PDB file of all heavy atoms in Angstrom:
ATOM      1  N   ARG A   1     221.228 259.752 282.294  1.00  0.00           N
ATOM      2  CA  ARG A   1     222.201 259.907 281.344  1.00  0.00           C
ATOM      3  C   ARG A   1     222.405 261.423 281.139  1.00  0.00           C
ATOM      4  O   ARG A   1     223.495 261.841 280.640  1.00  0.00           O
ATOM      5  CB  ARG A   1     221.813 259.261 279.977  1.00  0.00           C
ATOM      6  CG  ARG A   1     222.008 257.677 280.027  1.00  0.00           C
ATOM      7  CD  ARG A   1     221.252 257.083 278.882  1.00  0.00           C
ATOM      8  NE  ARG A   1     221.690 257.606 277.569  1.00  0.00           N
ATOM      9  CZ  ARG A   1     222.758 257.248 276.890  1.00  0.00           C
ATOM     10  NH1 ARG A   1     223.610 256.322 277.361  1.00  0.00           N
ATOM     11  NH2 ARG A   1     222.964 257.839 275.629  1.00  0.00           N
ATOM     12  N   GLY A   2     221.455 262.244 281.404  1.00  0.00           N
ATOM     13  CA  GLY A   2     221.673 263.694 281.351  1.00  0.00           C
ATOM     14  C   GLY A   2     221.671 264.241 279.990  1.00  0.00           C
ATOM     15  O   GLY A   2     222.319 265.352 279.788  1.00  0.00           O
ATOM     16  N   MET A   3     221.155 263.724 278.991  1.00  0.00           N
ATOM     17  CA  MET A   3     221.300 264.154 277.594  1.00  0.00           C
ATOM     18  C   MET A   3     219.777 264.551 277.019  1.00  0.00           C
ATOM     19  O   MET A   3     219.648 264.771 275.905  1.00  0.00           O
ATOM     20  CB  MET A   3     221.832 263.063 276.656  1.00  0.00           C
ATOM     21  CG  MET A   3     223.263 262.688 277.154  1.00  0.00           C
ATOM     22  SD  MET A   3     223.923 261.317 276.149  1.00  0.00           S
ATOM     23  CE  MET A   3     225.478 260.884 276.948  1.00  0.00           C
ATOM     24  N   ASN A   4     218.804 264.612 277.928  1.00  0.00           N
ATOM     25  CA  ASN A   4     217.466 265.018 277.501  1.00  0.00           C
ATOM     26  C   ASN A   4     216.789 264.013 276.619  1.00  0.00           C
ATOM     27  O   ASN A   4     215.812 264.245 275.794  1.00  0.00           O
ATOM     28  CB  ASN A   4     217.516 266.409 276.773  1.00  0.00           C
ATOM     29  CG  ASN A   4     216.325 267.248 277.054  1.00  0.00           C
ATOM     30  OD1 ASN A   4     215.737 267.138 278.162  1.00  0.00           O
ATOM     31  ND2 ASN A   4     216.049 268.265 276.274  1.00  0.00           N
ATOM     32  N   GLU A   5     217.346 262.780 276.513  1.00  0.00           N
ATOM     33  CA  GLU A   5     216.927 261.707 275.569  1.00  0.00           C
ATOM     34  C   GLU A   5     215.517 261.223 275.966  1.00  0.00           C
ATOM     35  O   GLU A   5     214.771 260.540 275.193  1.00  0.00           O
ATOM     36  CB  GLU A   5     217.823 260.663 275.528  1.00  0.00           C
ATOM     37  CG  GLU A   5     219.228 260.995 274.931  1.00  0.00           C
ATOM     38  CD  GLU A   5     220.254 260.012 275.239  1.00  0.00           C
ATOM     39  OE1 GLU A   5     220.252 259.517 276.370  1.00  0.00           O
ATOM     40  OE2 GLU A   5     221.099 259.688 274.381  1.00  0.00           O
ATOM     41  N   GLU A   6     215.107 261.374 277.290  1.00  0.00           N
ATOM     42  CA  GLU A   6     213.813 260.825 277.727  1.00  0.00           C
ATOM     43  C   GLU A   6     212.636 261.372 276.976  1.00  0.00           C
ATOM     44  O   GLU A   6     211.562 260.753 276.834  1.00  0.00           O
ATOM     45  CB  GLU A   6     213.677 261.245 279.253  1.00  0.00           C
ATOM     46  CG  GLU A   6     213.615 262.628 279.636  1.00  0.00           C
ATOM     47  CD  GLU A   6     214.997 263.199 279.850  1.00  0.00           C
ATOM     48  OE1 GLU A   6     216.024 262.591 279.562  1.00  0.00           O
ATOM     49  OE2 GLU A   6     215.017 264.433 280.177  1.00  0.00           O
ATOM     50  N   LYS A   7     212.768 262.638 276.268  1.00  0.00           N
ATOM     51  CA  LYS A   7     211.683 263.150 275.430  1.00  0.00           C
ATOM     52  C   LYS A   7     211.393 262.291 274.288  1.00  0.00           C
ATOM     53  O   LYS A   7     210.333 262.341 273.761  1.00  0.00           O
ATOM     54  CB  LYS A   7     212.105 264.547 275.008  1.00  0.00           C
ATOM     55  CG  LYS A   7     212.234 265.580 276.066  1.00  0.00           C
ATOM     56  CD  LYS A   7     212.538 266.926 275.599  1.00  0.00           C
ATOM     57  CE  LYS A   7     212.554 267.979 276.693  1.00  0.00           C
ATOM     58  NZ  LYS A   7     212.936 269.329 276.160  1.00  0.00           N
ATOM     59  N   LEU A   8     212.340 261.441 273.844  1.00  0.00           N
ATOM     60  CA  LEU A   8     212.127 260.570 272.733  1.00  0.00           C
ATOM     61  C   LEU A   8     211.127 259.433 273.083  1.00  0.00           C
ATOM     62  O   LEU A   8     210.701 258.846 272.134  1.00  0.00           O
ATOM     63  CB  LEU A   8     213.478 259.979 272.349  1.00  0.00           C
ATOM     64  CG  LEU A   8     214.496 260.870 271.752  1.00  0.00           C
ATOM     65  CD1 LEU A   8     215.860 260.159 271.609  1.00  0.00           C
ATOM     66  CD2 LEU A   8     214.084 261.575 270.425  1.00  0.00           C
ATOM     67  N   LEU A   9     210.746 259.243 274.328  1.00  0.00           N
ATOM     68  CA  LEU A   9     209.836 258.300 274.736  1.00  0.00           C
ATOM     69  C   LEU A   9     208.417 258.795 274.553  1.00  0.00           C
ATOM     70  O   LEU A   9     207.519 257.944 274.795  1.00  0.00           O
ATOM     71  CB  LEU A   9     210.049 257.776 276.124  1.00  0.00           C
ATOM     72  CG  LEU A   9     211.357 257.115 276.439  1.00  0.00           C
ATOM     73  CD1 LEU A   9     211.491 256.831 277.944  1.00  0.00           C
ATOM     74  CD2 LEU A   9     211.481 255.816 275.718  1.00  0.00           C
ATOM     75  N   ALA A  10     208.183 259.901 274.163  1.00  0.00           N
ATOM     76  CA  ALA A  10     206.807 260.591 274.145  1.00  0.00           C
ATOM     77  C   ALA A  10     205.824 259.710 273.299  1.00  0.00           C
ATOM     78  O   ALA A  10     204.669 259.452 273.727  1.00  0.00           O
ATOM     79  CB  ALA A  10     206.915 262.002 273.660  1.00  0.00           C
ATOM     80  N   PRO A  11     206.209 259.175 272.158  1.00  0.00           N
ATOM     81  CA  PRO A  11     205.348 258.282 271.397  1.00  0.00           C
ATOM     82  C   PRO A  11     204.769 257.085 272.186  1.00  0.00           C
ATOM     83  O   PRO A  11     203.634 256.639 272.044  1.00  0.00           O
ATOM     84  CB  PRO A  11     206.130 257.889 270.109  1.00  0.00           C
ATOM     85  CG  PRO A  11     207.203 258.953 270.084  1.00  0.00           C
ATOM     86  CD  PRO A  11     207.436 259.296 271.438  1.00  0.00           C
ATOM     87  N   LEU A  12     205.707 256.570 273.028  1.00  0.00           N
ATOM     88  CA  LEU A  12     205.171 255.374 273.827  1.00  0.00           C
ATOM     89  C   LEU A  12     204.180 255.678 274.832  1.00  0.00           C
ATOM     90  O   LEU A  12     203.181 254.966 275.119  1.00  0.00           O
ATOM     91  CB  LEU A  12     206.445 254.688 274.449  1.00  0.00           C
ATOM     92  CG  LEU A  12     207.508 254.246 273.395  1.00  0.00           C
ATOM     93  CD1 LEU A  12     208.580 253.453 274.167  1.00  0.00           C
ATOM     94  CD2 LEU A  12     206.905 253.364 272.294  1.00  0.00           C
ATOM     95  N   TYR A  13     204.366 256.909 275.496  1.00  0.00           N
ATOM     96  CA  TYR A  13     203.343 257.336 276.424  1.00  0.00           C
ATOM     97  C   TYR A  13     201.975 257.560 275.721  1.00  0.00           C
ATOM     98  O   TYR A  13     200.926 257.305 276.228  1.00  0.00           O
ATOM     99  CB  TYR A  13     203.842 258.585 277.072  1.00  0.00           C
ATOM    100  CG  TYR A  13     204.791 258.247 278.258  1.00  0.00           C
ATOM    101  CD1 TYR A  13     206.022 258.710 278.083  1.00  0.00           C
ATOM    102  CD2 TYR A  13     204.513 257.546 279.296  1.00  0.00           C
ATOM    103  CE1 TYR A  13     207.048 258.468 279.048  1.00  0.00           C
ATOM    104  CE2 TYR A  13     205.443 257.384 280.325  1.00  0.00           C
ATOM    105  CZ  TYR A  13     206.649 257.725 280.219  1.00  0.00           C
ATOM    106  OH  TYR A  13     207.692 257.552 281.136  1.00  0.00           O
ATOM    107  N   GLN A  14     202.042 258.108 274.530  1.00  0.00           N
ATOM    108  CA  GLN A  14     200.835 258.367 273.646  1.00  0.00           C
ATOM    109  C   GLN A  14     200.174 257.037 273.337  1.00  0.00           C
ATOM    110  O   GLN A  14     198.889 256.829 273.430  1.00  0.00           O
ATOM    111  CB  GLN A  14     201.159 259.101 272.375  1.00  0.00           C
ATOM    112  CG  GLN A  14     201.658 260.539 272.625  1.00  0.00           C
ATOM    113  CD  GLN A  14     202.183 261.199 271.436  1.00  0.00           C
ATOM    114  OE1 GLN A  14     202.189 260.619 270.365  1.00  0.00           O
ATOM    115  NE2 GLN A  14     202.649 262.397 271.506  1.00  0.00           N
ATOM    116  N   ARG A  15     200.936 255.978 272.973  1.00  0.00           N
ATOM    117  CA  ARG A  15     200.309 254.718 272.738  1.00  0.00           C
ATOM    118  C   ARG A  15     199.748 254.064 273.915  1.00  0.00           C
ATOM    119  O   ARG A  15     198.582 253.481 273.783  1.00  0.00           O
ATOM    120  CB  ARG A  15     201.471 253.788 272.091  1.00  0.00           C
ATOM    121  CG  ARG A  15     202.018 254.276 270.719  1.00  0.00           C
ATOM    122  CD  ARG A  15     203.172 253.454 270.327  1.00  0.00           C
ATOM    123  NE  ARG A  15     203.899 254.061 269.227  1.00  0.00           N
ATOM    124  CZ  ARG A  15     204.890 253.650 268.585  1.00  0.00           C
ATOM    125  NH1 ARG A  15     205.515 252.497 268.921  1.00  0.00           N
ATOM    126  NH2 ARG A  15     205.463 254.260 267.599  1.00  0.00           N
ATOM    127  N   ILE A  16     200.406 254.356 275.027  1.00  0.00           N
ATOM    128  CA  ILE A  16     199.815 253.692 276.338  1.00  0.00           C
ATOM    129  C   ILE A  16     198.448 254.327 276.647  1.00  0.00           C
ATOM    130  O   ILE A  16     197.461 253.659 277.017  1.00  0.00           O
ATOM    131  CB  ILE A  16     200.817 253.799 277.454  1.00  0.00           C
ATOM    132  CG1 ILE A  16     201.955 252.850 277.279  1.00  0.00           C
ATOM    133  CG2 ILE A  16     200.100 253.515 278.787  1.00  0.00           C
ATOM    134  CD1 ILE A  16     203.136 253.011 278.190  1.00  0.00           C
ATOM    135  N   ASP A  17     198.421 255.610 276.543  1.00  0.00           N
ATOM    136  CA  ASP A  17     197.152 256.441 276.835  1.00  0.00           C
ATOM    137  C   ASP A  17     196.037 256.052 275.941  1.00  0.00           C
ATOM    138  O   ASP A  17     194.925 255.923 276.225  1.00  0.00           O
ATOM    139  CB  ASP A  17     197.461 257.897 276.631  1.00  0.00           C
ATOM    140  CG  ASP A  17     198.316 258.463 277.802  1.00  0.00           C
ATOM    141  OD1 ASP A  17     198.368 257.858 278.849  1.00  0.00           O
ATOM    142  OD2 ASP A  17     198.815 259.600 277.723  1.00  0.00           O
ATOM    143  N   MET A  18     196.332 255.713 274.597  1.00  0.00           N
ATOM    144  CA  MET A  18     195.359 255.472 273.571  1.00  0.00           C
ATOM    145  C   MET A  18     195.087 254.047 273.456  1.00  0.00           C
ATOM    146  O   MET A  18     194.312 253.601 272.596  1.00  0.00           O
ATOM    147  CB  MET A  18     195.844 256.079 272.208  1.00  0.00           C
ATOM    148  CG  MET A  18     196.081 257.559 272.160  1.00  0.00           C
ATOM    149  SD  MET A  18     194.504 258.441 272.472  1.00  0.00           S
ATOM    150  CE  MET A  18     193.626 258.049 270.897  1.00  0.00           C
ATOM    151  N   ARG A  19     195.935 253.243 274.136  1.00  0.00           N
ATOM    152  CA  ARG A  19     195.644 251.721 274.122  1.00  0.00           C
ATOM    153  C   ARG A  19     195.966 251.288 272.675  1.00  0.00           C
ATOM    154  O   ARG A  19     195.184 250.451 272.097  1.00  0.00           O
ATOM    155  CB  ARG A  19     194.364 251.235 274.560  1.00  0.00           C
ATOM    156  CG  ARG A  19     193.960 251.570 275.973  1.00  0.00           C
ATOM    157  CD  ARG A  19     194.795 250.875 277.053  1.00  0.00           C
ATOM    158  NE  ARG A  19     194.316 250.965 278.297  1.00  0.00           N
ATOM    159  CZ  ARG A  19     194.790 251.804 279.284  1.00  0.00           C
ATOM    160  NH1 ARG A  19     195.613 252.731 278.930  1.00  0.00           N
ATOM    161  NH2 ARG A  19     194.217 251.761 280.480  1.00  0.00           N
ATOM    162  N   THR A  20     197.026 251.633 271.987  1.00  0.00           N
ATOM    163  CA  THR A  20     197.285 251.412 270.641  1.00  0.00           C
ATOM    164  C   THR A  20     198.666 251.163 270.336  1.00  0.00           C
ATOM    165  O   THR A  20     199.558 251.293 271.170  1.00  0.00           O
ATOM    166  CB  THR A  20     196.669 252.492 269.764  1.00  0.00           C
ATOM    167  OG1 THR A  20     196.598 252.001 268.380  1.00  0.00           O
ATOM    168  CG2 THR A  20     197.521 253.767 269.888  1.00  0.00           C
ATOM    169  N   ASN A  21     199.019 250.781 269.119  1.00  0.00           N
ATOM    170  CA  ASN A  21     200.375 250.770 268.596  1.00  0.00           C
ATOM    171  C   ASN A  21     200.334 251.103 267.076  1.00  0.00           C
ATOM    172  O   ASN A  21     199.110 251.251 266.583  1.00  0.00           O
ATOM    173  CB  ASN A  21     201.002 249.415 268.848  1.00  0.00           C
ATOM    174  CG  ASN A  21     200.214 248.259 268.304  1.00  0.00           C
ATOM    175  OD1 ASN A  21     199.688 248.313 267.130  1.00  0.00           O
ATOM    176  ND2 ASN A  21     200.122 247.165 269.019  1.00  0.00           N
ATOM    177  N   PRO A  22     201.307 251.303 266.370  1.00  0.00           N
ATOM    178  CA  PRO A  22     201.304 251.694 264.928  1.00  0.00           C
ATOM    179  C   PRO A  22     200.445 250.789 264.036  1.00  0.00           C
ATOM    180  O   PRO A  22     199.708 251.237 263.170  1.00  0.00           O
ATOM    181  CB  PRO A  22     202.716 251.749 264.464  1.00  0.00           C
ATOM    182  CG  PRO A  22     203.482 251.983 265.722  1.00  0.00           C
ATOM    183  CD  PRO A  22     202.780 251.219 266.832  1.00  0.00           C
ATOM    184  N   ALA A  23     200.495 249.407 264.290  1.00  0.00           N
ATOM    185  CA  ALA A  23     199.641 248.578 263.526  1.00  0.00           C
ATOM    186  C   ALA A  23     198.205 248.782 263.774  1.00  0.00           C
ATOM    187  O   ALA A  23     197.302 248.820 262.842  1.00  0.00           O
ATOM    188  CB  ALA A  23     200.043 247.019 263.856  1.00  0.00           C
ATOM    189  N   LYS A  24     197.815 248.821 265.021  1.00  0.00           N
ATOM    190  CA  LYS A  24     196.326 249.136 265.383  1.00  0.00           C
ATOM    191  C   LYS A  24     195.841 250.478 264.823  1.00  0.00           C
ATOM    192  O   LYS A  24     194.758 250.649 264.280  1.00  0.00           O
ATOM    193  CB  LYS A  24     196.167 249.092 266.919  1.00  0.00           C
ATOM    194  CG  LYS A  24     196.283 247.851 267.570  1.00  0.00           C
ATOM    195  CD  LYS A  24     195.964 247.868 269.063  1.00  0.00           C
ATOM    196  CE  LYS A  24     196.010 246.450 269.692  1.00  0.00           C
ATOM    197  NZ  LYS A  24     195.750 246.631 271.129  1.00  0.00           N
ATOM    198  N   THR A  25     196.821 251.510 264.870  1.00  0.00           N
ATOM    199  CA  THR A  25     196.311 252.748 264.380  1.00  0.00           C
ATOM    200  C   THR A  25     196.179 252.680 262.799  1.00  0.00           C
ATOM    201  O   THR A  25     195.169 253.278 262.310  1.00  0.00           O
ATOM    202  CB  THR A  25     197.448 253.813 264.706  1.00  0.00           C
ATOM    203  OG1 THR A  25     197.518 253.998 266.109  1.00  0.00           O
ATOM    204  CG2 THR A  25     197.075 255.157 264.112  1.00  0.00           C
ATOM    205  N   MET A  26     197.017 251.964 262.006  1.00  0.00           N
ATOM    206  CA  MET A  26     196.868 251.932 260.616  1.00  0.00           C
ATOM    207  C   MET A  26     195.590 251.109 260.295  1.00  0.00           C
ATOM    208  O   MET A  26     194.881 251.596 259.404  1.00  0.00           O
ATOM    209  CB  MET A  26     198.128 251.125 260.134  1.00  0.00           C
ATOM    210  CG  MET A  26     198.017 250.925 258.565  1.00  0.00           C
ATOM    211  SD  MET A  26     199.394 249.934 257.949  1.00  0.00           S
ATOM    212  CE  MET A  26     198.950 248.346 258.535  1.00  0.00           C
ATOM    213  N   LEU A  27     195.299 250.037 261.103  1.00  0.00           N
ATOM    214  CA  LEU A  27     194.047 249.385 260.675  1.00  0.00           C
ATOM    215  C   LEU A  27     192.819 250.208 261.098  1.00  0.00           C
ATOM    216  O   LEU A  27     191.895 250.158 260.363  1.00  0.00           O
ATOM    217  CB  LEU A  27     194.060 248.117 261.486  1.00  0.00           C
ATOM    218  CG  LEU A  27     195.067 246.993 261.091  1.00  0.00           C
ATOM    219  CD1 LEU A  27     195.123 245.787 261.981  1.00  0.00           C
ATOM    220  CD2 LEU A  27     194.832 246.571 259.707  1.00  0.00           C
ATOM    221  N   TYR A  28     192.867 250.926 262.158  1.00  0.00           N
ATOM    222  CA  TYR A  28     191.812 251.896 262.471  1.00  0.00           C
ATOM    223  C   TYR A  28     191.621 252.960 261.387  1.00  0.00           C
ATOM    224  O   TYR A  28     190.356 253.133 260.834  1.00  0.00           O
ATOM    225  CB  TYR A  28     192.073 252.586 263.715  1.00  0.00           C
ATOM    226  CG  TYR A  28     191.093 253.788 264.142  1.00  0.00           C
ATOM    227  CD1 TYR A  28     189.765 253.443 264.673  1.00  0.00           C
ATOM    228  CD2 TYR A  28     191.447 255.042 263.796  1.00  0.00           C
ATOM    229  CE1 TYR A  28     188.894 254.424 264.907  1.00  0.00           C
ATOM    230  CE2 TYR A  28     190.523 256.058 264.166  1.00  0.00           C
ATOM    231  CZ  TYR A  28     189.226 255.770 264.698  1.00  0.00           C
ATOM    232  OH  TYR A  28     188.370 256.763 264.857  1.00  0.00           O
ATOM    233  N   LEU A  29     192.644 253.592 260.908  1.00  0.00           N
ATOM    234  CA  LEU A  29     192.528 254.446 259.853  1.00  0.00           C
ATOM    235  C   LEU A  29     191.976 253.808 258.437  1.00  0.00           C
ATOM    236  O   LEU A  29     191.117 254.379 257.810  1.00  0.00           O
ATOM    237  CB  LEU A  29     193.940 255.042 259.517  1.00  0.00           C
ATOM    238  CG  LEU A  29     194.510 255.992 260.661  1.00  0.00           C
ATOM    239  CD1 LEU A  29     195.907 256.345 260.316  1.00  0.00           C
ATOM    240  CD2 LEU A  29     193.662 257.265 260.693  1.00  0.00           C
ATOM    241  N   LYS A  30     192.445 252.643 258.279  1.00  0.00           N
ATOM    242  CA  LYS A  30     191.992 251.840 257.060  1.00  0.00           C
ATOM    243  C   LYS A  30     190.482 251.565 257.201  1.00  0.00           C
ATOM    244  O   LYS A  30     189.760 251.781 256.250  1.00  0.00           O
ATOM    245  CB  LYS A  30     192.758 250.589 256.957  1.00  0.00           C
ATOM    246  CG  LYS A  30     192.417 249.639 255.771  1.00  0.00           C
ATOM    247  CD  LYS A  30     193.392 248.475 255.668  1.00  0.00           C
ATOM    248  CE  LYS A  30     192.850 247.434 254.812  1.00  0.00           C
ATOM    249  NZ  LYS A  30     191.884 246.470 255.477  1.00  0.00           N
ATOM    250  N   ASP A  31     190.140 251.037 258.297  1.00  0.00           N
ATOM    251  CA  ASP A  31     188.665 250.796 258.545  1.00  0.00           C
ATOM    252  C   ASP A  31     187.829 252.044 258.574  1.00  0.00           C
ATOM    253  O   ASP A  31     186.476 251.904 258.334  1.00  0.00           O
ATOM    254  CB  ASP A  31     188.374 249.998 259.806  1.00  0.00           C
ATOM    255  CG  ASP A  31     189.134 248.676 259.822  1.00  0.00           C
ATOM    256  OD1 ASP A  31     189.366 248.107 258.725  1.00  0.00           O
ATOM    257  OD2 ASP A  31     189.294 248.070 260.868  1.00  0.00           O
ATOM    258  N   SER A  32     188.492 253.087 258.825  1.00  0.00           N
ATOM    259  CA  SER A  32     187.705 254.447 258.817  1.00  0.00           C
ATOM    260  C   SER A  32     187.710 255.074 257.347  1.00  0.00           C
ATOM    261  O   SER A  32     187.367 256.275 257.225  1.00  0.00           O
ATOM    262  CB  SER A  32     188.264 255.418 259.734  1.00  0.00           C
ATOM    263  OG  SER A  32     188.359 254.965 261.137  1.00  0.00           O
ATOM    264  N   LYS A  33     188.054 254.291 256.420  1.00  0.00           N
ATOM    265  CA  LYS A  33     187.977 254.693 255.013  1.00  0.00           C
ATOM    266  C   LYS A  33     188.962 255.686 254.561  1.00  0.00           C
ATOM    267  O   LYS A  33     188.910 256.260 253.531  1.00  0.00           O
ATOM    268  CB  LYS A  33     186.562 255.166 254.579  1.00  0.00           C
ATOM    269  CG  LYS A  33     185.428 254.284 254.979  1.00  0.00           C
ATOM    270  CD  LYS A  33     185.576 252.875 254.344  1.00  0.00           C
ATOM    271  CE  LYS A  33     184.369 251.972 254.717  1.00  0.00           C
ATOM    272  NZ  LYS A  33     184.603 250.659 254.089  1.00  0.00           N
ATOM    273  N   THR A  34     190.120 255.693 255.423  1.00  0.00           N
ATOM    274  CA  THR A  34     191.208 256.664 254.979  1.00  0.00           C
ATOM    275  C   THR A  34     191.979 255.933 253.878  1.00  0.00           C
ATOM    276  O   THR A  34     192.313 254.713 254.018  1.00  0.00           O
ATOM    277  CB  THR A  34     192.209 256.832 256.185  1.00  0.00           C
ATOM    278  OG1 THR A  34     191.491 257.417 257.205  1.00  0.00           O
ATOM    279  CG2 THR A  34     193.359 257.769 255.798  1.00  0.00           C
TER     280      THR A  34
END
């Protein structure tokens, strides 16, 4: 598309690398006493 929008996918690559999603991250933080 040539609009540089591919940078917006960065959070998904981070989730794939960390084997997580926002729900899992929230529960991890909660279980860590945050």
